[in-house]
Protein backbone atom coordinates (compact mmCIF):
# COMPACT_ATOMS: atom_id res chain seq x y z
CA MET A 1 54.01 -56.23 -68.72
CA ALA A 2 53.40 -59.61 -70.29
CA LYS A 3 53.90 -61.31 -73.63
CA SER A 4 50.80 -61.15 -75.83
CA ARG A 5 49.50 -63.70 -78.29
CA HIS A 6 51.68 -62.09 -80.97
CA GLY A 7 54.85 -62.51 -78.87
CA VAL A 8 55.18 -58.75 -78.35
CA VAL A 9 55.39 -57.04 -74.97
CA ALA A 10 51.95 -55.91 -73.82
CA LYS A 11 50.34 -53.96 -70.99
CA THR A 12 47.58 -55.56 -68.91
CA CYS A 13 44.45 -53.44 -68.58
CA ARG A 14 42.05 -53.29 -65.63
CA GLY A 15 39.83 -55.95 -67.22
CA GLY A 16 42.77 -58.36 -67.37
CA THR A 17 43.12 -58.26 -71.15
CA ALA A 18 46.51 -57.68 -72.74
CA ILE A 19 46.84 -54.82 -75.23
CA LEU A 20 49.93 -54.69 -77.45
CA GLU A 21 52.24 -51.70 -77.07
CA GLY A 22 51.46 -49.41 -79.98
CA TYR A 23 47.88 -50.69 -79.99
CA GLU A 24 44.70 -49.57 -78.23
CA LYS A 25 41.32 -51.12 -77.54
CA CYS A 26 39.01 -50.99 -80.58
CA LYS A 27 36.35 -48.33 -80.00
CA THR A 28 33.94 -49.86 -82.51
CA CYS A 29 33.49 -53.15 -80.61
CA ASP A 30 34.79 -51.93 -77.21
CA GLY A 31 37.62 -54.47 -77.35
CA GLU A 32 35.35 -57.54 -77.61
CA GLY A 33 36.09 -58.35 -81.25
CA TYR A 34 32.38 -58.73 -82.04
CA ILE A 35 29.59 -56.35 -83.04
CA TYR A 36 26.13 -57.15 -81.65
CA TYR A 37 22.90 -56.17 -83.37
CA GLU A 38 19.21 -57.07 -83.20
CA VAL A 39 17.22 -58.67 -86.01
CA PRO A 40 13.45 -58.07 -85.81
CA HIS A 41 11.11 -61.00 -86.56
CA ARG A 42 7.53 -60.07 -87.33
CA HIS A 43 4.51 -61.85 -85.95
CA GLY A 44 2.75 -64.32 -88.17
CA PRO A 45 0.08 -67.03 -88.23
CA SER A 46 2.12 -69.33 -85.98
CA ARG A 47 3.23 -66.54 -83.58
CA ASP A 48 1.03 -64.00 -81.84
CA SER A 49 3.82 -61.42 -81.44
CA GLY A 50 7.13 -60.50 -83.00
CA TYR A 51 10.48 -60.68 -81.27
CA LEU A 52 14.07 -59.42 -81.53
CA GLU A 53 16.89 -61.88 -82.01
CA GLU A 54 20.42 -60.81 -81.03
CA GLN A 55 23.10 -61.62 -83.61
CA LYS A 56 26.84 -61.07 -83.53
CA GLU A 57 29.50 -60.79 -86.19
CA ILE A 58 33.23 -60.22 -86.18
CA CYS A 59 34.17 -56.54 -85.98
CA ALA A 60 35.28 -55.43 -89.43
CA PHE A 61 37.39 -52.57 -88.03
CA CYS A 62 39.72 -54.70 -85.86
CA SER A 63 39.13 -58.06 -87.63
CA GLY A 64 38.05 -59.63 -84.34
CA ASP A 65 41.30 -58.84 -82.48
CA GLY A 66 39.71 -56.23 -80.21
CA GLU A 67 42.68 -53.90 -80.70
CA VAL A 68 43.86 -51.48 -83.37
CA GLN A 69 47.08 -49.58 -83.98
CA ILE A 70 47.27 -46.27 -82.14
CA GLY A 71 46.40 -43.43 -84.48
CA ARG A 72 44.25 -45.50 -86.84
CA GLN A 73 41.10 -43.52 -87.59
CA ASP A 74 37.68 -45.07 -87.03
CA SER A 75 35.60 -45.38 -90.22
CA ASP A 76 32.40 -44.13 -88.51
């Protein structure tokens, strides 16, 4: 057990991250705090082929913390 960033006792998981007691890893972002998605770019006169660009944004479900309260239902 170790103190977390919120000053509350936490358990350390296999990956070395601390999860607050009463909290669990966010299933939406897999505990990273970010959601990754691809944005397609079409080909054009200056490019002979299209490509996919990876973007990331803060997970709306856990607000970027990577953890949610136990029992909180996922919105998906």
